[in-house]
N, C-alpha and C. Protein backbone atom coordinates (compact mmCIF):
# COMPACT_ATOMS: atom_id res chain seq x y z
N UNK A 1 -35.39 -16.66 89.14
CA UNK A 1 -35.57 -17.95 88.74
C UNK A 1 -35.91 -17.15 87.15
N UNK A 2 -34.97 -18.32 86.29
CA UNK A 2 -34.81 -18.03 85.09
C UNK A 2 -34.68 -19.13 84.29
N UNK A 3 -35.68 -19.07 83.24
CA UNK A 3 -36.09 -20.18 82.17
C UNK A 3 -35.70 -20.05 80.93
N UNK A 4 -35.39 -20.35 80.07
CA UNK A 4 -34.55 -20.23 78.62
C UNK A 4 -34.89 -20.98 77.49
N UNK A 5 -35.29 -20.65 75.95
CA UNK A 5 -35.84 -21.63 75.62
C UNK A 5 -34.73 -21.27 74.00
N UNK A 6 -34.19 -22.00 73.23
CA UNK A 6 -33.59 -21.99 71.95
C UNK A 6 -34.15 -22.37 70.73
N UNK A 7 -34.15 -21.69 69.92
CA UNK A 7 -34.88 -22.43 68.31
C UNK A 7 -33.29 -22.51 67.57
N UNK A 8 -33.11 -23.53 67.01
CA UNK A 8 -31.61 -23.12 66.08
C UNK A 8 -32.12 -23.67 65.00
N UNK A 9 -30.70 -23.08 64.57
CA UNK A 9 -31.02 -23.39 62.53
C UNK A 9 -32.12 -23.10 61.76
N UNK A 10 -32.96 -22.43 62.31
CA UNK A 10 -34.78 -22.07 61.65
C UNK A 10 -33.99 -21.25 60.39
N UNK A 11 -34.82 -21.57 59.43
CA UNK A 11 -34.60 -21.00 57.93
C UNK A 11 -35.32 -19.90 57.83
N UNK A 12 -34.77 -18.52 58.91
CA UNK A 12 -35.08 -17.24 58.70
C UNK A 12 -34.20 -16.24 58.94
N UNK A 13 -33.73 -15.66 58.04
CA UNK A 13 -32.56 -14.71 57.63
C UNK A 13 -32.78 -13.85 59.13
N UNK A 14 -31.50 -13.35 59.87
CA UNK A 14 -31.63 -13.41 61.54
C UNK A 14 -31.95 -11.69 61.19
N UNK A 15 -31.59 -10.97 60.26
CA UNK A 15 -32.23 -9.55 60.09
C UNK A 15 -33.73 -9.44 60.36
N UNK A 16 -34.16 -10.22 59.38
CA UNK A 16 -35.91 -10.46 59.75
C UNK A 16 -35.92 -10.55 60.85
N UNK A 17 -35.60 -11.65 61.42
CA UNK A 17 -36.09 -12.26 63.00
C UNK A 17 -35.77 -11.34 63.79
N UNK A 18 -34.53 -10.50 63.89
CA UNK A 18 -34.67 -9.20 64.86
C UNK A 18 -36.01 -8.22 64.53
N UNK A 19 -36.43 -8.18 63.65
CA UNK A 19 -38.14 -7.53 63.83
C UNK A 19 -38.01 -7.45 65.10
N UNK A 20 -39.01 -9.12 64.57
CA UNK A 20 -40.06 -9.38 65.81
C UNK A 20 -39.47 -9.29 66.99
N UNK A 21 -38.32 -9.66 66.84
CA UNK A 21 -37.55 -10.04 68.76
C UNK A 21 -37.60 -8.83 69.32
N UNK A 22 -37.46 -8.07 68.44
CA UNK A 22 -37.44 -6.21 69.02
C UNK A 22 -38.16 -6.15 70.07
N UNK A 23 -39.70 -6.68 69.27
CA UNK A 23 -41.29 -5.79 69.70
C UNK A 23 -41.62 -6.76 70.67
N UNK A 24 -41.41 -7.71 71.03
CA UNK A 24 -41.26 -8.59 72.71
C UNK A 24 -40.11 -8.45 73.99
N UNK A 25 -38.67 -8.07 73.90
CA UNK A 25 -37.96 -7.33 74.21
C UNK A 25 -38.13 -6.76 75.61
N UNK A 26 -38.64 -7.39 76.58
CA UNK A 26 -38.84 -6.52 78.48
C UNK A 26 -40.28 -6.78 78.19
N UNK A 27 -40.93 -7.33 77.67
CA UNK A 27 -42.53 -7.12 77.89
C UNK A 27 -42.89 -8.43 78.66
N UNK A 28 -44.26 -8.28 79.59
CA UNK A 28 -44.55 -9.44 80.25
C UNK A 28 -44.85 -10.52 79.09
N UNK A 29 -45.20 -11.64 80.23
CA UNK A 29 -45.74 -12.48 79.01
C UNK A 29 -46.89 -12.85 78.44
N UNK A 30 -47.80 -12.04 78.84
CA UNK A 30 -48.93 -11.86 78.02
C UNK A 30 -49.05 -11.34 76.76
N UNK A 31 -48.64 -9.91 77.30
CA UNK A 31 -48.45 -8.78 75.84
C UNK A 31 -47.33 -9.56 75.26
N UNK A 32 -46.24 -9.87 75.39
CA UNK A 32 -45.85 -10.73 74.27
C UNK A 32 -46.57 -11.67 73.48
N UNK A 33 -46.89 -12.37 74.24
CA UNK A 33 -47.64 -13.65 73.52
C UNK A 33 -48.90 -13.20 72.30
N UNK A 34 -49.22 -11.89 72.73
CA UNK A 34 -50.32 -11.38 71.77
C UNK A 34 -49.45 -10.69 70.90
N UNK A 35 -48.49 -9.99 70.87
CA UNK A 35 -48.06 -8.93 70.39
C UNK A 35 -47.41 -10.05 69.06
N UNK A 36 -46.80 -10.91 69.22
CA UNK A 36 -46.52 -12.03 68.21
C UNK A 36 -47.15 -12.74 67.58
N UNK A 37 -48.47 -13.13 68.32
CA UNK A 37 -49.77 -14.10 68.17
C UNK A 37 -50.41 -12.92 66.58
N UNK A 38 -50.27 -11.66 66.13
CA UNK A 38 -51.31 -10.33 65.70
C UNK A 38 -49.49 -9.82 64.81
N UNK A 39 -48.34 -10.34 64.59
CA UNK A 39 -47.63 -9.60 63.98
C UNK A 39 -47.21 -10.37 62.58
N UNK A 40 -47.68 -9.42 61.37
CA UNK A 40 -47.42 -10.10 60.17
C UNK A 40 -46.45 -10.20 59.33
N UNK A 41 -45.61 -11.27 60.26
CA UNK A 41 -44.22 -11.54 59.67
C UNK A 41 -43.89 -12.74 59.64
N UNK A 42 -43.49 -13.52 58.45
CA UNK A 42 -43.27 -14.62 58.90
C UNK A 42 -42.07 -15.41 60.01
N UNK A 43 -41.50 -14.61 60.76
CA UNK A 43 -40.81 -14.85 61.46
C UNK A 43 -41.55 -15.36 62.74
N UNK A 44 -42.51 -14.70 62.99
CA UNK A 44 -43.36 -14.24 64.16
C UNK A 44 -43.89 -15.56 65.08
N UNK A 45 -43.94 -16.53 63.35
CA UNK A 45 -44.48 -17.99 63.90
C UNK A 45 -43.32 -18.65 64.72
N UNK A 46 -41.90 -18.77 64.26
CA UNK A 46 -40.98 -19.49 64.69
C UNK A 46 -40.68 -18.80 66.41
N UNK A 47 -40.63 -17.38 66.36
CA UNK A 47 -40.38 -16.70 67.66
C UNK A 47 -41.97 -16.95 68.82
N UNK A 48 -43.11 -17.29 68.29
CA UNK A 48 -44.27 -17.55 69.49
C UNK A 48 -43.83 -18.69 69.80
N UNK A 49 -43.42 -19.91 68.60
CA UNK A 49 -43.48 -21.01 69.29
C UNK A 49 -41.92 -21.45 70.42
N UNK A 50 -41.12 -20.60 70.02
CA UNK A 50 -40.14 -20.65 71.36
C UNK A 50 -40.47 -20.03 72.62
N UNK A 51 -41.23 -18.52 72.68
CA UNK A 51 -41.78 -17.84 73.64
C UNK A 51 -42.72 -19.17 74.39
N UNK A 52 -43.76 -19.52 73.65
CA UNK A 52 -44.29 -20.82 73.94
C UNK A 52 -43.56 -22.07 74.58
N UNK A 53 -42.49 -22.50 74.17
CA UNK A 53 -41.60 -23.55 74.98
C UNK A 53 -40.86 -23.20 76.21
N UNK A 54 -40.41 -21.96 76.09
CA UNK A 54 -40.05 -20.92 77.62
C UNK A 54 -40.86 -21.02 78.48
N UNK A 55 -42.29 -20.44 77.92
CA UNK A 55 -43.16 -20.48 79.24
C UNK A 55 -42.99 -22.33 79.74
N UNK A 56 -43.83 -22.92 79.19
CA UNK A 56 -43.49 -24.42 79.38
C UNK A 56 -42.34 -25.21 79.91
N UNK A 57 -40.97 -24.23 79.47
CA UNK A 57 -39.92 -25.11 80.62
C UNK A 57 -40.09 -24.10 82.02
N UNK A 58 -40.95 -22.95 82.08
CA UNK A 58 -40.77 -22.46 83.14
C UNK A 58 -42.03 -22.67 84.34
N UNK A 59 -42.80 -23.45 83.55
CA UNK A 59 -43.88 -23.97 83.91
C UNK A 59 -43.53 -25.68 85.06
N UNK A 60 -42.92 -26.24 83.48
CA UNK A 60 -42.31 -27.55 84.06
C UNK A 60 -41.25 -27.48 84.72
N UNK A 61 -40.67 -27.48 84.41
CA UNK A 61 -39.33 -27.24 84.72
C UNK A 61 -38.60 -26.92 86.30
N UNK A 62 -39.33 -24.86 86.34
CA UNK A 62 -39.06 -24.17 87.60
C UNK A 62 -40.21 -23.97 87.78
N UNK A 63 -41.25 -25.00 88.07
CA UNK A 63 -42.24 -24.94 88.56
C UNK A 63 -43.00 -23.52 89.08
N UNK A 64 -43.36 -22.50 88.13
CA UNK A 64 -43.70 -21.36 88.19
C UNK A 64 -44.84 -21.59 88.18
N UNK A 65 -45.77 -20.91 89.67
CA UNK A 65 -46.97 -21.16 89.50
C UNK A 65 -47.65 -19.79 89.33
N UNK A 66 -47.47 -18.53 89.18
CA UNK A 66 -48.07 -17.38 88.34
C UNK A 66 -46.83 -17.34 87.58
N UNK A 67 -47.73 -17.30 86.40
CA UNK A 67 -46.75 -16.65 85.09
C UNK A 67 -47.37 -15.61 84.67
N UNK A 68 -48.16 -15.26 85.40
CA UNK A 68 -48.61 -13.79 85.11
C UNK A 68 -47.66 -12.56 85.67
N UNK A 69 -46.58 -13.41 86.44
CA UNK A 69 -45.25 -12.72 87.28
C UNK A 69 -44.15 -12.77 86.03
N UNK A 70 -43.77 -13.97 85.18
CA UNK A 70 -43.10 -13.98 83.63
C UNK A 70 -42.70 -12.73 83.08
N UNK A 71 -41.33 -12.55 82.82
CA UNK A 71 -41.75 -10.85 81.44
C UNK A 71 -40.03 -11.74 80.60
N UNK A 72 -39.97 -11.19 79.31
CA UNK A 72 -39.37 -11.35 78.85
C UNK A 72 -37.74 -11.02 79.21
N UNK A 73 -37.05 -11.82 79.51
CA UNK A 73 -35.57 -10.88 80.27
C UNK A 73 -34.86 -10.59 78.94
N UNK A 74 -34.32 -11.64 78.47
CA UNK A 74 -33.68 -11.32 76.93
C UNK A 74 -34.41 -11.87 76.05
N UNK A 75 -33.96 -11.28 74.83
CA UNK A 75 -34.56 -12.15 73.52
C UNK A 75 -33.41 -11.48 72.27
N UNK A 76 -32.94 -12.32 71.87
CA UNK A 76 -31.79 -12.24 70.97
C UNK A 76 -31.92 -13.37 69.62
N UNK A 77 -31.01 -12.87 68.58
CA UNK A 77 -30.96 -13.83 67.53
C UNK A 77 -29.43 -14.00 67.04
N UNK A 78 -29.05 -14.98 67.09
CA UNK A 78 -27.58 -14.97 66.33
C UNK A 78 -27.65 -15.63 65.35
N UNK A 79 -27.02 -15.45 64.20
CA UNK A 79 -26.83 -15.70 62.87
C UNK A 79 -26.33 -17.46 63.02
N UNK A 80 -27.02 -18.44 62.40
CA UNK A 80 -26.51 -19.48 62.24
C UNK A 80 -25.69 -20.16 60.95
N UNK A 81 -25.36 -21.03 60.31
CA UNK A 81 -24.70 -21.23 59.34
C UNK A 81 -25.49 -21.26 57.71
N UNK A 82 -25.22 -20.42 57.21
CA UNK A 82 -25.54 -19.98 55.72
C UNK A 82 -24.98 -21.38 54.87
N UNK A 83 -26.49 -21.57 54.42
CA UNK A 83 -26.07 -22.41 52.86
C UNK A 83 -25.72 -21.56 51.41
N UNK A 84 -24.66 -22.15 51.07
CA UNK A 84 -24.51 -21.51 49.60
C UNK A 84 -25.26 -22.28 48.26
N UNK A 85 -25.59 -21.79 47.58
CA UNK A 85 -26.10 -22.22 46.21
C UNK A 85 -25.67 -21.25 45.16
N UNK A 86 -25.93 -21.49 43.93
CA UNK A 86 -25.73 -20.65 42.85
C UNK A 86 -27.02 -21.05 41.91
N UNK A 87 -27.07 -19.80 41.32
CA UNK A 87 -28.25 -19.31 39.94
C UNK A 87 -27.29 -19.44 39.18
N UNK A 88 -28.14 -20.15 37.81
CA UNK A 88 -27.68 -19.83 36.30
C UNK A 88 -27.74 -18.54 35.95
N UNK A 89 -26.82 -18.12 35.17
CA UNK A 89 -26.99 -16.51 35.00
C UNK A 89 -26.85 -16.48 33.27
N UNK A 90 -26.95 -15.03 32.61
CA UNK A 90 -26.84 -15.23 31.10
C UNK A 90 -25.30 -15.74 31.03
N UNK A 91 -24.96 -15.92 29.87
CA UNK A 91 -23.38 -16.03 28.92
C UNK A 91 -22.44 -17.18 30.28
N UNK A 92 -23.78 -18.38 30.33
CA UNK A 92 -22.98 -18.81 31.19
C UNK A 92 -21.99 -18.75 32.21
N UNK A 93 -22.46 -17.64 32.88
CA UNK A 93 -22.11 -17.80 34.48
C UNK A 93 -23.48 -17.43 35.53
N UNK A 94 -22.52 -17.85 36.76
CA UNK A 94 -23.72 -18.16 37.66
C UNK A 94 -23.32 -16.91 38.95
N UNK A 95 -24.44 -16.79 39.68
CA UNK A 95 -24.26 -16.10 41.10
C UNK A 95 -24.52 -16.70 41.78
N UNK A 96 -23.92 -16.07 43.16
CA UNK A 96 -24.10 -16.85 44.96
C UNK A 96 -25.64 -16.32 45.18
N UNK A 97 -26.07 -17.40 46.13
CA UNK A 97 -27.87 -17.03 46.75
C UNK A 97 -27.24 -17.50 48.24
N UNK A 98 -26.89 -16.87 49.10
CA UNK A 98 -27.08 -17.38 50.27
C UNK A 98 -27.94 -17.53 51.07
N UNK A 99 -28.32 -18.51 52.07
CA UNK A 99 -29.58 -18.67 52.80
C UNK A 99 -29.05 -18.56 53.98
N UNK A 100 -29.76 -17.92 54.73
CA UNK A 100 -29.56 -17.27 55.71
C UNK A 100 -30.12 -18.34 57.20
N UNK A 101 -29.70 -18.58 57.85
CA UNK A 101 -30.55 -18.87 59.42
C UNK A 101 -30.10 -18.65 60.76
N UNK A 102 -31.15 -18.97 61.47
CA UNK A 102 -30.83 -18.24 62.73
C UNK A 102 -31.02 -18.84 64.02
N UNK A 103 -30.53 -18.75 65.06
CA UNK A 103 -30.55 -18.80 66.37
C UNK A 103 -31.33 -17.97 67.13
N UNK A 104 -32.44 -18.13 67.52
CA UNK A 104 -33.24 -17.58 68.31
C UNK A 104 -33.24 -17.96 69.94
N UNK A 105 -32.60 -17.09 71.05
CA UNK A 105 -33.02 -17.37 72.27
C UNK A 105 -33.31 -16.09 72.99
N UNK A 106 -34.68 -17.06 73.70
CA UNK A 106 -35.92 -15.84 74.44
C UNK A 106 -35.05 -17.00 76.47
N UNK A 107 -34.90 -16.00 76.53
CA UNK A 107 -35.38 -15.89 78.86
C UNK A 107 -36.17 -15.46 78.94
N UNK A 108 -37.17 -16.36 79.65
CA UNK A 108 -37.87 -15.59 81.02
C UNK A 108 -37.67 -15.51 82.24
N UNK A 109 -38.10 -14.14 82.75
CA UNK A 109 -38.02 -13.97 84.57
C UNK A 109 -38.81 -13.69 85.18
N UNK A 110 -39.31 -14.44 86.05
CA UNK A 110 -40.32 -13.82 86.87
C UNK A 110 -39.98 -12.50 88.28
N UNK A 111 -41.31 -11.46 87.85
CA UNK A 111 -40.67 -10.41 88.56
C UNK A 111 -40.92 -10.33 90.33
N UNK A 112 -40.18 -9.33 90.53
CA UNK A 112 -39.98 -9.79 92.82
C UNK A 112 -41.54 -9.65 92.53
N UNK A 113 -41.38 -10.37 93.86
CA UNK A 113 -42.80 -9.36 94.29
C UNK A 113 -43.26 -8.12 95.28
């Protein structure tokens, strides 16, 4: 049994979101939730929300009765669309600003008995 949750168009650069996602990959669900809860990164809030969504999907859609047997099988961050803005600079010039976004995917799987 595998269940997944995807957060799309999240306004966090993928490079910063990967720092948090790398912490929980391969961990059991309780350890992953505690790790994300106490991580002092802005991306940890979004990852925690997606992790809880994957857990709810496992309970509701797949009928996972023992949630302690779940672990994070896959967790990855892909790059979403980039908003392009410009910032005025000296002498009438402008420099580009890239506001990056992420697609975060978390897959949970049940351990074998």
